[in-house]
Amino acid sequence: GVLIPVQCEYFALEGLSSLLDTVKAVRHRLNPTLEIEGLL
């Protein structure tokens, strides 16, 4: 699982979008069991 710390500010959401995109790619190609542990 991947635990994602998120600072509660606007620009933190931009970093989140890129990471979620990467998690999707990793699930499809490298690690199909990877899940979102949670947003902190």
Full PDB file with SEQRES, HELIX, SHEET, SSBOND, CRYST1, ORIGX, SCALE, CONECT and MASTER records, all heavy atoms in Angstrom:
SEQRES   1 A   40  GLY VAL LEU ILE PRO VAL GLN CYS GLU TYR PHE ALA LEU          
SEQRES   2 A   40  GLU GLY LEU SER SER LEU LEU ASP THR VAL LYS ALA VAL          
SEQRES   3 A   40  ARG HIS ARG LEU ASN PRO THR LEU GLU ILE GLU GLY LEU          
SEQRES   4 A   40  LEU                                                          
HELIX    1 AA1 ALA A   12  ARG A   29  1                                  18    
SHEET    1 AA1 2 VAL A   2  ILE A   4  0                                        
SHEET    2 AA1 2 ILE A  36  LEU A  39  1                                        
CRYST1    1.000    1.000    1.000  90.00  90.00  90.00 P 1           1          
ORIGX1      1.000000  0.000000  0.000000        0.00000                         
ORIGX2      0.000000  1.000000  0.000000        0.00000                         
ORIGX3      0.000000  0.000000  1.000000        0.00000                         
SCALE1      1.000000  0.000000  0.000000        0.00000                         
SCALE2      0.000000  1.000000  0.000000        0.00000                         
SCALE3      0.000000  0.000000  1.000000        0.00000                         
ATOM      1  N   GLY A   1       0.832  -1.194   0.000  1.00  0.00           N  
ATOM      2  CA  GLY A   1       0.000   0.000   0.000  1.00  0.00           C  
ATOM      3  C   GLY A   1       0.866   1.242   0.000  1.00  0.00           C  
ATOM      4  O   GLY A   1       2.043   1.197   0.362  1.00  0.00           O  
ATOM      5  N   VAL A   2       0.281   2.361  -0.408  1.00  0.00           N  
ATOM      6  CA  VAL A   2       1.000   3.631  -0.402  1.00  0.00           C  
ATOM      7  C   VAL A   2       0.252   4.613   0.480  1.00  0.00           C  
ATOM      8  O   VAL A   2      -0.948   4.826   0.324  1.00  0.00           O  
ATOM      9  CB  VAL A   2       1.203   4.185  -1.834  1.00  0.00           C  
ATOM     10  CG1 VAL A   2      -0.110   4.282  -2.588  1.00  0.00           C  
ATOM     11  CG2 VAL A   2       1.895   5.543  -1.800  1.00  0.00           C  
ATOM     12  N   LEU A   3       0.967   5.151   1.465  1.00  0.00           N  
ATOM     13  CA  LEU A   3       0.426   6.148   2.374  1.00  0.00           C  
ATOM     14  C   LEU A   3       0.839   7.521   1.847  1.00  0.00           C  
ATOM     15  O   LEU A   3       2.036   7.779   1.649  1.00  0.00           O  
ATOM     16  CB  LEU A   3       0.969   5.926   3.785  1.00  0.00           C  
ATOM     17  CG  LEU A   3       0.595   6.949   4.857  1.00  0.00           C  
ATOM     18  CD1 LEU A   3      -0.914   6.973   5.071  1.00  0.00           C  
ATOM     19  CD2 LEU A   3       1.323   6.635   6.167  1.00  0.00           C  
ATOM     20  N   ILE A   4      -0.141   8.404   1.619  1.00  0.00           N  
ATOM     21  CA  ILE A   4       0.122   9.680   0.967  1.00  0.00           C  
ATOM     22  C   ILE A   4      -0.129  10.824   1.944  1.00  0.00           C  
ATOM     23  O   ILE A   4      -1.281  11.152   2.234  1.00  0.00           O  
ATOM     24  CB  ILE A   4      -0.770   9.856  -0.273  1.00  0.00           C  
ATOM     25  CG1 ILE A   4      -0.647   8.651  -1.210  1.00  0.00           C  
ATOM     26  CG2 ILE A   4      -0.404  11.146  -1.015  1.00  0.00           C  
ATOM     27  CD1 ILE A   4      -1.615   8.685  -2.387  1.00  0.00           C  
ATOM     28  N   PRO A   5       0.935  11.428   2.463  1.00  0.00           N  
ATOM     29  CA  PRO A   5       0.745  12.640   3.281  1.00  0.00           C  
ATOM     30  C   PRO A   5       0.326  13.806   2.381  1.00  0.00           C  
ATOM     31  O   PRO A   5       0.932  14.035   1.324  1.00  0.00           O  
ATOM     32  CB  PRO A   5       2.129  12.891   3.889  1.00  0.00           C  
ATOM     33  CG  PRO A   5       2.904  11.634   3.661  1.00  0.00           C  
ATOM     34  CD  PRO A   5       2.355  11.040   2.419  1.00  0.00           C  
ATOM     35  N   VAL A   6      -0.705  14.526   2.787  1.00  0.00           N  
ATOM     36  CA  VAL A   6      -1.214  15.637   1.990  1.00  0.00           C  
ATOM     37  C   VAL A   6      -1.345  16.860   2.888  1.00  0.00           C  
ATOM     38  O   VAL A   6      -2.108  16.846   3.848  1.00  0.00           O  
ATOM     39  CB  VAL A   6      -2.589  15.311   1.367  1.00  0.00           C  
ATOM     40  CG1 VAL A   6      -3.081  16.480   0.515  1.00  0.00           C  
ATOM     41  CG2 VAL A   6      -2.522  14.044   0.532  1.00  0.00           C  
ATOM     42  N   GLN A   7      -0.586  17.897   2.571  1.00  0.00           N  
ATOM     43  CA  GLN A   7      -0.737  19.156   3.288  1.00  0.00           C  
ATOM     44  C   GLN A   7      -2.010  19.831   2.800  1.00  0.00           C  
ATOM     45  O   GLN A   7      -2.292  19.854   1.604  1.00  0.00           O  
ATOM     46  CB  GLN A   7       0.468  20.059   3.030  1.00  0.00           C  
ATOM     47  CG  GLN A   7       0.491  21.314   3.880  1.00  0.00           C  
ATOM     48  CD  GLN A   7       1.740  22.145   3.614  1.00  0.00           C  
ATOM     49  OE1 GLN A   7       2.575  21.793   2.791  1.00  0.00           O  
ATOM     50  NE2 GLN A   7       1.853  23.255   4.330  1.00  0.00           N  
ATOM     51  N   CYS A   8      -2.798  20.356   3.728  1.00  0.00           N  
ATOM     52  CA  CYS A   8      -4.105  20.911   3.360  1.00  0.00           C  
ATOM     53  C   CYS A   8      -3.961  22.312   2.777  1.00  0.00           C  
ATOM     54  O   CYS A   8      -4.401  23.313   3.355  1.00  0.00           O  
ATOM     55  CB  CYS A   8      -5.046  20.907   4.566  1.00  0.00           C  
ATOM     56  SG  CYS A   8      -5.562  19.249   5.036  1.00  0.00           S  
ATOM     57  N   GLU A   9      -3.316  22.381   1.634  1.00  0.00           N  
ATOM     58  CA  GLU A   9      -3.175  23.614   0.877  1.00  0.00           C  
ATOM     59  C   GLU A   9      -3.384  23.303  -0.597  1.00  0.00           C  
ATOM     60  O   GLU A   9      -3.216  22.162  -1.032  1.00  0.00           O  
ATOM     61  CB  GLU A   9      -1.789  24.242   1.094  1.00  0.00           C  
ATOM     62  CG  GLU A   9      -1.570  24.723   2.525  1.00  0.00           C  
ATOM     63  CD  GLU A   9      -0.218  25.403   2.693  1.00  0.00           C  
ATOM     64  OE1 GLU A   9       0.536  25.466   1.700  1.00  0.00           O  
ATOM     65  OE2 GLU A   9       0.070  25.850   3.812  1.00  0.00           O  
ATOM     66  N   TYR A  10      -3.700  24.337  -1.376  1.00  0.00           N  
ATOM     67  CA  TYR A  10      -4.084  24.132  -2.767  1.00  0.00           C  
ATOM     68  C   TYR A  10      -3.023  23.407  -3.581  1.00  0.00           C  
ATOM     69  O   TYR A  10      -3.301  22.442  -4.277  1.00  0.00           O  
ATOM     70  CB  TYR A  10      -4.421  25.473  -3.425  1.00  0.00           C  
ATOM     71  CG  TYR A  10      -4.517  25.385  -4.928  1.00  0.00           C  
ATOM     72  CD1 TYR A  10      -5.550  24.676  -5.533  1.00  0.00           C  
ATOM     73  CD2 TYR A  10      -3.569  25.981  -5.744  1.00  0.00           C  
ATOM     74  CE1 TYR A  10      -5.643  24.577  -6.899  1.00  0.00           C  
ATOM     75  CE2 TYR A  10      -3.651  25.890  -7.111  1.00  0.00           C  
ATOM     76  CZ  TYR A  10      -4.693  25.192  -7.699  1.00  0.00           C  
ATOM     77  OH  TYR A  10      -4.766  25.092  -9.051  1.00  0.00           O  
ATOM     78  N   PHE A  11      -1.758  23.854  -3.513  1.00  0.00           N  
ATOM     79  CA  PHE A  11      -0.735  23.285  -4.372  1.00  0.00           C  
ATOM     80  C   PHE A  11      -0.398  21.842  -4.006  1.00  0.00           C  
ATOM     81  O   PHE A  11       0.174  21.123  -4.817  1.00  0.00           O  
ATOM     82  CB  PHE A  11       0.523  24.155  -4.347  1.00  0.00           C  
ATOM     83  CG  PHE A  11       0.372  25.438  -5.122  1.00  0.00           C  
ATOM     84  CD1 PHE A  11       0.353  26.650  -4.470  1.00  0.00           C  
ATOM     85  CD2 PHE A  11       0.217  25.422  -6.493  1.00  0.00           C  
ATOM     86  CE1 PHE A  11       0.199  27.828  -5.179  1.00  0.00           C  
ATOM     87  CE2 PHE A  11       0.065  26.585  -7.215  1.00  0.00           C  
ATOM     88  CZ  PHE A  11       0.052  27.802  -6.555  1.00  0.00           C  
ATOM     89  N   ALA A  12      -0.730  21.414  -2.801  1.00  0.00           N  
ATOM     90  CA  ALA A  12      -0.515  20.016  -2.436  1.00  0.00           C  
ATOM     91  C   ALA A  12      -1.347  19.093  -3.313  1.00  0.00           C  
ATOM     92  O   ALA A  12      -0.972  17.949  -3.565  1.00  0.00           O  
ATOM     93  CB  ALA A  12      -0.856  19.800  -0.965  1.00  0.00           C  
ATOM     94  N   LEU A  13      -2.474  19.568  -3.804  1.00  0.00           N  
ATOM     95  CA  LEU A  13      -3.329  18.743  -4.650  1.00  0.00           C  
ATOM     96  C   LEU A  13      -2.674  18.440  -5.994  1.00  0.00           C  
ATOM     97  O   LEU A  13      -2.935  17.400  -6.602  1.00  0.00           O  
ATOM     98  CB  LEU A  13      -4.670  19.450  -4.876  1.00  0.00           C  
ATOM     99  CG  LEU A  13      -5.499  19.719  -3.614  1.00  0.00           C  
ATOM    100  CD1 LEU A  13      -6.773  20.466  -3.980  1.00  0.00           C  
ATOM    101  CD2 LEU A  13      -5.810  18.431  -2.879  1.00  0.00           C  
ATOM    102  N   GLU A  14      -1.815  19.359  -6.471  1.00  0.00           N  
ATOM    103  CA  GLU A  14      -1.149  19.109  -7.731  1.00  0.00           C  
ATOM    104  C   GLU A  14      -0.171  17.944  -7.622  1.00  0.00           C  
ATOM    105  O   GLU A  14      -0.082  17.096  -8.498  1.00  0.00           O  
ATOM    106  CB  GLU A  14      -0.433  20.372  -8.203  1.00  0.00           C  
ATOM    107  CG  GLU A  14      -1.387  21.493  -8.609  1.00  0.00           C  
ATOM    108  CD  GLU A  14      -0.659  22.657  -9.251  1.00  0.00           C  
ATOM    109  OE1 GLU A  14       0.573  22.755  -9.079  1.00  0.00           O  
ATOM    110  OE2 GLU A  14      -1.330  23.456  -9.916  1.00  0.00           O  
ATOM    111  N   GLY A  15       0.598  17.887  -6.532  1.00  0.00           N  
ATOM    112  CA  GLY A  15       1.482  16.759  -6.328  1.00  0.00           C  
ATOM    113  C   GLY A  15       0.712  15.465  -6.189  1.00  0.00           C  
ATOM    114  O   GLY A  15       1.143  14.410  -6.653  1.00  0.00           O  
ATOM    115  N   LEU A  16      -0.446  15.533  -5.573  1.00  0.00           N  
ATOM    116  CA  LEU A  16      -1.287  14.354  -5.401  1.00  0.00           C  
ATOM    117  C   LEU A  16      -1.730  13.799  -6.741  1.00  0.00           C  
ATOM    118  O   LEU A  16      -1.748  12.588  -6.962  1.00  0.00           O  
ATOM    119  CB  LEU A  16      -2.503  14.716  -4.539  1.00  0.00           C  
ATOM    120  CG  LEU A  16      -3.563  13.639  -4.334  1.00  0.00           C  
ATOM    121  CD1 LEU A  16      -2.958  12.422  -3.646  1.00  0.00           C  
ATOM    122  CD2 LEU A  16      -4.717  14.200  -3.515  1.00  0.00           C  
ATOM    123  N   SER A  17      -2.075  14.673  -7.668  1.00  0.00           N  
ATOM    124  CA  SER A  17      -2.552  14.215  -8.968  1.00  0.00           C  
ATOM    125  C   SER A  17      -1.479  13.436  -9.718  1.00  0.00           C  
ATOM    126  O   SER A  17      -1.760  12.401 -10.324  1.00  0.00           O  
ATOM    127  CB  SER A  17      -3.034  15.411  -9.810  1.00  0.00           C  
ATOM    128  OG  SER A  17      -1.951  16.253 -10.156  1.00  0.00           O  
ATOM    129  N   SER A  18      -0.233  13.897  -9.663  1.00  0.00           N  
ATOM    130  CA  SER A  18       0.851  13.197 -10.332  1.00  0.00           C  
ATOM    131  C   SER A  18       1.111  11.839  -9.696  1.00  0.00           C  
ATOM    132  O   SER A  18       1.353  10.847 -10.392  1.00  0.00           O  
ATOM    133  CB  SER A  18       2.125  14.040 -10.287  1.00  0.00           C  
ATOM    134  OG  SER A  18       1.974  15.224 -11.030  1.00  0.00           O  
ATOM    135  N   LEU A  19       1.068  11.777  -8.376  1.00  0.00           N  
ATOM    136  CA  LEU A  19       1.315  10.522  -7.687  1.00  0.00           C  
ATOM    137  C   LEU A  19       0.235   9.495  -7.998  1.00  0.00           C  
ATOM    138  O   LEU A  19       0.518   8.324  -8.248  1.00  0.00           O  
ATOM    139  CB  LEU A  19       1.406  10.754  -6.175  1.00  0.00           C  
ATOM    140  CG  LEU A  19       1.641   9.501  -5.334  1.00  0.00           C  
ATOM    141  CD1 LEU A  19       2.914   8.788  -5.747  1.00  0.00           C  
ATOM    142  CD2 LEU A  19       1.690   9.862  -3.862  1.00  0.00           C  
ATOM    143  N   LEU A  20      -1.035   9.925  -8.000  1.00  0.00           N  
ATOM    144  CA  LEU A  20      -2.118   8.997  -8.320  1.00  0.00           C  
ATOM    145  C   LEU A  20      -1.977   8.454  -9.731  1.00  0.00           C  
ATOM    146  O   LEU A  20      -2.273   7.287 -10.001  1.00  0.00           O  
ATOM    147  CB  LEU A  20      -3.469   9.692  -8.147  1.00  0.00           C  
ATOM    148  CG  LEU A  20      -3.855  10.049  -6.704  1.00  0.00           C  
ATOM    149  CD1 LEU A  20      -5.163  10.812  -6.685  1.00  0.00           C  
ATOM    150  CD2 LEU A  20      -3.954   8.805  -5.839  1.00  0.00           C  
ATOM    151  N   ASP A  21      -1.509   9.287 -10.642  1.00  0.00           N  
ATOM    152  CA  ASP A  21      -1.282   8.852 -12.007  1.00  0.00           C  
ATOM    153  C   ASP A  21      -0.199   7.775 -12.051  1.00  0.00           C  
ATOM    154  O   ASP A  21      -0.310   6.776 -12.767  1.00  0.00           O  
ATOM    155  CB  ASP A  21      -0.877  10.051 -12.865  1.00  0.00           C  
ATOM    156  CG  ASP A  21      -1.084   9.805 -14.352  1.00  0.00           C  
ATOM    157  OD1 ASP A  21      -2.166   9.319 -14.720  1.00  0.00           O  
ATOM    158  OD2 ASP A  21      -0.161  10.105 -15.121  1.00  0.00           O  
ATOM    159  N   THR A  22       0.851   7.959 -11.243  1.00  0.00           N  
ATOM    160  CA  THR A  22       1.923   6.976 -11.176  1.00  0.00           C  
ATOM    161  C   THR A  22       1.450   5.674 -10.549  1.00  0.00           C  
ATOM    162  O   THR A  22       1.809   4.580 -11.004  1.00  0.00           O  
ATOM    163  CB  THR A  22       3.113   7.544 -10.370  1.00  0.00           C  
ATOM    164  OG1 THR A  22       3.578   8.729 -11.006  1.00  0.00           O  
ATOM    165  CG2 THR A  22       4.244   6.540 -10.296  1.00  0.00           C  
ATOM    166  N   VAL A  23       0.638   5.762  -9.495  1.00  0.00           N  
ATOM    167  CA  VAL A  23       0.115   4.562  -8.852  1.00  0.00           C  
ATOM    168  C   VAL A  23      -0.705   3.736  -9.839  1.00  0.00           C  
ATOM    169  O   VAL A  23      -0.614   2.505  -9.885  1.00  0.00           O  
ATOM    170  CB  VAL A  23      -0.732   4.938  -7.617  1.00  0.00           C  
ATOM    171  CG1 VAL A  23      -1.467   3.718  -7.078  1.00  0.00           C  
ATOM    172  CG2 VAL A  23       0.159   5.522  -6.525  1.00  0.00           C  
ATOM    173  N   LYS A  24      -1.501   4.408 -10.672  1.00  0.00           N  
ATOM    174  CA  LYS A  24      -2.270   3.699 -11.697  1.00  0.00           C  
ATOM    175  C   LYS A  24      -1.348   2.931 -12.637  1.00  0.00           C  
ATOM    176  O   LYS A  24      -1.580   1.761 -12.953  1.00  0.00           O  
ATOM    177  CB  LYS A  24      -3.106   4.690 -12.494  1.00  0.00           C  
ATOM    178  CG  LYS A  24      -4.215   5.385 -11.730  1.00  0.00           C  
ATOM    179  CD  LYS A  24      -4.904   6.398 -12.631  1.00  0.00           C  
ATOM    180  CE  LYS A  24      -5.903   7.252 -11.861  1.00  0.00           C  
ATOM    181  NZ  LYS A  24      -6.538   8.266 -12.715  1.00  0.00           N  
ATOM    182  N   ALA A  25      -0.286   3.598 -13.093  1.00  0.00           N  
ATOM    183  CA  ALA A  25       0.643   2.971 -14.029  1.00  0.00           C  
ATOM    184  C   ALA A  25       1.344   1.778 -13.382  1.00  0.00           C  
ATOM    185  O   ALA A  25       1.513   0.722 -14.018  1.00  0.00           O  
ATOM    186  CB  ALA A  25       1.669   3.999 -14.511  1.00  0.00           C  
ATOM    187  N   VAL A  26       1.746   1.907 -12.120  1.00  0.00           N  
ATOM    188  CA  VAL A  26       2.414   0.815 -11.418  1.00  0.00           C  
ATOM    189  C   VAL A  26       1.467  -0.369 -11.249  1.00  0.00           C  
ATOM    190  O   VAL A  26       1.864  -1.523 -11.417  1.00  0.00           O  
ATOM    191  CB  VAL A  26       2.943   1.300 -10.052  1.00  0.00           C  
ATOM    192  CG1 VAL A  26       3.426   0.119  -9.202  1.00  0.00           C  
ATOM    193  CG2 VAL A  26       4.072   2.298 -10.246  1.00  0.00           C  
ATOM    194  N   ARG A  27       0.215  -0.103 -10.944  1.00  0.00           N  
ATOM    195  CA  ARG A  27      -0.758  -1.194 -10.802  1.00  0.00           C  
ATOM    196  C   ARG A  27      -0.925  -1.961 -12.098  1.00  0.00           C  
ATOM    197  O   ARG A  27      -1.024  -3.185 -12.111  1.00  0.00           O  
ATOM    198  CB  ARG A  27      -2.118  -0.648 -10.367  1.00  0.00           C  
ATOM    199  CG  ARG A  27      -2.209  -0.331  -8.885  1.00  0.00           C  
ATOM    200  CD  ARG A  27      -3.660  -0.212  -8.451  1.00  0.00           C  
ATOM    201  NE  ARG A  27      -4.350  -1.480  -8.508  1.00  0.00           N  
ATOM    202  CZ  ARG A  27      -5.638  -1.653  -8.202  1.00  0.00           C  
ATOM    203  NH1 ARG A  27      -6.352  -0.622  -7.830  1.00  0.00           N  
ATOM    204  NH2 ARG A  27      -6.192  -2.829  -8.257  1.00  0.00           N  
ATOM    205  N   HIS A  28      -0.959  -1.269 -13.198  1.00  0.00           N  
ATOM    206  CA  HIS A  28      -1.192  -1.921 -14.490  1.00  0.00           C  
ATOM    207  C   HIS A  28       0.023  -2.690 -14.975  1.00  0.00           C  
ATOM    208  O   HIS A  28      -0.114  -3.715 -15.649  1.00  0.00           O  
ATOM    209  CB  HIS A  28      -1.588  -0.877 -15.533  1.00  0.00           C  
ATOM    210  CG  HIS A  28      -2.987  -0.362 -15.360  1.00  0.00           C  
ATOM    211  ND1 HIS A  28      -4.090  -1.181 -15.304  1.00  0.00           N  
ATOM    212  CD2 HIS A  28      -3.465   0.905 -15.236  1.00  0.00           C  
ATOM    213  CE1 HIS A  28      -5.187  -0.456 -15.151  1.00  0.00           C  
ATOM    214  NE2 HIS A  28      -4.833   0.818 -15.098  1.00  0.00           N  
ATOM    215  N   ARG A  29       1.227  -2.221 -14.627  1.00  0.00           N  
ATOM    216  CA  ARG A  29       2.426  -2.773 -15.253  1.00  0.00           C  
ATOM    217  C   ARG A  29       3.336  -3.558 -14.318  1.00  0.00           C  
ATOM    218  O   ARG A  29       4.028  -4.481 -14.763  1.00  0.00           O  
ATOM    219  CB  ARG A  29       3.244  -1.632 -15.884  1.00  0.00           C  
ATOM    220  CG  ARG A  29       2.473  -0.870 -16.948  1.00  0.00           C  
ATOM    221  CD  ARG A  29       3.308   0.292 -17.475  1.00  0.00           C  
ATOM    222  NE  ARG A  29       2.539   1.118 -18.410  1.00  0.00           N  
ATOM    223  CZ  ARG A  29       2.996   2.226 -18.987  1.00  0.00           C  
ATOM    224  NH1 ARG A  29       4.214   2.636 -18.719  1.00  0.00           N  
ATOM    225  NH2 ARG A  29       2.234   2.912 -19.817  1.00  0.00           N  
ATOM    226  N   LEU A  30       3.360  -3.195 -13.037  1.00  0.00           N  
ATOM    227  CA  LEU A  30       4.376  -3.755 -12.151  1.00  0.00           C  
ATOM    228  C   LEU A  30       3.831  -4.431 -10.903  1.00  0.00           C  
ATOM    229  O   LEU A  30       4.393  -5.415 -10.445  1.00  0.00           O  
ATOM    230  CB  LEU A  30       5.355  -2.646 -11.721  1.00  0.00           C  
ATOM    231  CG  LEU A  30       6.149  -1.962 -12.832  1.00  0.00           C  
ATOM    232  CD1 LEU A  30       6.864  -0.725 -12.286  1.00  0.00           C  
ATOM    233  CD2 LEU A  30       7.152  -2.926 -13.448  1.00  0.00           C  
ATOM    234  N   ASN A  31       2.761  -3.887 -10.331  1.00  0.00           N  
ATOM    235  CA  ASN A  31       2.295  -4.367  -9.029  1.00  0.00           C  
ATOM    236  C   ASN A  31       0.771  -4.286  -8.960  1.00  0.00           C  
ATOM    237  O   ASN A  31       0.219  -3.323  -8.422  1.00  0.00           O  
ATOM    238  CB  ASN A  31       2.936  -3.536  -7.909  1.00  0.00           C  
ATOM    239  CG  ASN A  31       2.568  -4.031  -6.523  1.00  0.00           C  
ATOM    240  OD1 ASN A  31       1.897  -5.037  -6.359  1.00  0.00           O  
ATOM    241  ND2 ASN A  31       3.022  -3.300  -5.505  1.00  0.00           N  
ATOM    242  N   PRO A  32       0.083  -5.286  -9.494  1.00  0.00           N  
ATOM    243  CA  PRO A  32      -1.385  -5.219  -9.564  1.00  0.00           C  
ATOM    244  C   PRO A  32      -2.080  -5.206  -8.217  1.00  0.00           C  
ATOM    245  O   PRO A  32      -3.254  -4.854  -8.134  1.00  0.00           O  
ATOM    246  CB  PRO A  32      -1.761  -6.476 -10.370  1.00  0.00           C  
ATOM    247  CG  PRO A  32      -0.560  -7.326 -10.384  1.00  0.00           C  
ATOM    248  CD  PRO A  32       0.629  -6.482 -10.139  1.00  0.00           C  
ATOM    249  N   THR A  33      -1.391  -5.571  -7.136  1.00  0.00           N  
ATOM    250  CA  THR A  33      -2.023  -5.589  -5.808  1.00  0.00           C  
ATOM    251  C   THR A  33      -1.813  -4.297  -5.035  1.00  0.00           C  
ATOM    252  O   THR A  33      -2.291  -4.171  -3.915  1.00  0.00           O  
ATOM    253  CB  THR A  33      -1.479  -6.765  -4.980  1.00  0.00           C  
ATOM    254  OG1 THR A  33      -0.075  -6.600  -4.769  1.00  0.00           O  
ATOM    255  CG2 THR A  33      -1.729  -8.098  -5.687  1.00  0.00           C  
ATOM    256  N   LEU A  34      -1.104  -3.335  -5.607  1.00  0.00           N  
ATOM    257  CA  LEU A  34      -0.857  -2.076  -4.915  1.00  0.00           C  
ATOM    258  C   LEU A  34      -2.162  -1.332  -4.672  1.00  0.00           C  
ATOM    259  O   LEU A  34      -3.000  -1.216  -5.566  1.00  0.00           O  
ATOM    260  CB  LEU A  34       0.087  -1.192  -5.750  1.00  0.00           C  
ATOM    261  CG  LEU A  34       0.441   0.179  -5.155  1.00  0.00           C  
ATOM    262  CD1 LEU A  34       1.254   0.009  -3.877  1.00  0.00           C  
ATOM    263  CD2 LEU A  34       1.214   1.015  -6.175  1.00  0.00           C  
ATOM    264  N   GLU A  35      -2.327  -0.839  -3.457  1.00  0.00           N  
ATOM    265  CA  GLU A  35      -3.534  -0.091  -3.122  1.00  0.00           C  
ATOM    266  C   GLU A  35      -3.185   1.181  -2.368  1.00  0.00           C  
ATOM    267  O   GLU A  35      -2.060   1.334  -1.874  1.00  0.00           O  
ATOM    268  CB  GLU A  35      -4.489  -0.942  -2.286  1.00  0.00           C  
ATOM    269  CG  GLU A  35      -3.906  -1.420  -0.978  1.00  0.00           C  
ATOM    270  CD  GLU A  35      -4.855  -2.333  -0.214  1.00  0.00           C  
ATOM    271  OE1 GLU A  35      -5.595  -3.096  -0.866  1.00  0.00           O  
ATOM    272  OE2 GLU A  35      -4.849  -2.272   1.022  1.00  0.00           O  
ATOM    273  N   ILE A  36      -4.125   2.089  -2.320  1.00  0.00           N  
ATOM    274  CA  ILE A  36      -3.939   3.305  -1.545  1.00  0.00           C  
ATOM    275  C   ILE A  36      -4.190   2.984  -0.078  1.00  0.00           C  
ATOM    276  O   ILE A  36      -5.306   2.637   0.311  1.00  0.00           O  
ATOM    277  CB  ILE A  36      -4.904   4.417  -2.011  1.00  0.00           C  
ATOM    278  CG1 ILE A  36      -4.683   4.735  -3.494  1.00  0.00           C  
ATOM    279  CG2 ILE A  36      -4.704   5.673  -1.156  1.00  0.00           C  
ATOM    280  CD1 ILE A  36      -3.347   5.336  -3.812  1.00  0.00           C  
ATOM    281  N   GLU A  37      -3.141   3.071   0.730  1.00  0.00           N  
ATOM    282  CA  GLU A  37      -3.285   2.817   2.160  1.00  0.00           C  
ATOM    283  C   GLU A  37      -4.129   3.902   2.815  1.00  0.00           C  
ATOM    284  O   GLU A  37      -4.916   3.631   3.730  1.00  0.00           O  
ATOM    285  CB  GLU A  37      -1.898   2.773   2.815  1.00  0.00           C  
ATOM    286  CG  GLU A  37      -1.901   2.307   4.251  1.00  0.00           C  
ATOM    287  CD  GLU A  37      -2.091   0.806   4.371  1.00  0.00           C  
ATOM    288  OE1 GLU A  37      -1.952   0.095   3.356  1.00  0.00           O  
ATOM    289  OE2 GLU A  37      -2.393   0.351   5.491  1.00  0.00           O  
ATOM    290  N   GLY A  38      -3.959   5.120   2.335  1.00  0.00           N  
ATOM    291  CA  GLY A  38      -4.757   6.216   2.861  1.00  0.00           C  
ATOM    292  C   GLY A  38      -4.110   7.552   2.563  1.00  0.00           C  
ATOM    293  O   GLY A  38      -2.926   7.643   2.263  1.00  0.00           O  
ATOM    294  N   LEU A  39      -4.925   8.590   2.621  1.00  0.00           N  
ATOM    295  CA  LEU A  39      -4.443   9.967   2.509  1.00  0.00           C  
ATOM    296  C   LEU A  39      -4.392  10.550   3.912  1.00  0.00           C  
ATOM    297  O   LEU A  39      -5.396  10.545   4.628  1.00  0.00           O  
ATOM    298  CB  LEU A  39      -5.366  10.797   1.623  1.00  0.00           C  
ATOM    299  CG  LEU A  39      -5.161  10.707   0.103  1.00  0.00           C  
ATOM    300  CD1 LEU A  39      -5.528   9.320  -0.417  1.00  0.00           C  
ATOM    301  CD2 LEU A  39      -5.988  11.751  -0.623  1.00  0.00           C  
ATOM    302  N   LEU A  40      -3.225  11.021   4.299  1.00  0.00           N  
ATOM    303  CA  LEU A  40      -3.010  11.541   5.651  1.00  0.00           C  
ATOM    304  C   LEU A  40      -2.884  13.052   5.596  1.00  0.00           C  
ATOM    305  O   LEU A  40      -1.979  13.586   4.959  1.00  0.00           O  
ATOM    306  CB  LEU A  40      -1.747  10.931   6.256  1.00  0.00           C  
ATOM    307  CG  LEU A  40      -1.341  11.461   7.630  1.00  0.00           C  
ATOM    308  CD1 LEU A  40      -2.365  11.064   8.686  1.00  0.00           C  
ATOM    309  CD2 LEU A  40       0.062  10.970   7.993  1.00  0.00           C  
TER     310      LEU A  40                                                      
MASTER        0    0    0    1    2    0    0    6  309    1    0    4          
END                                                                             
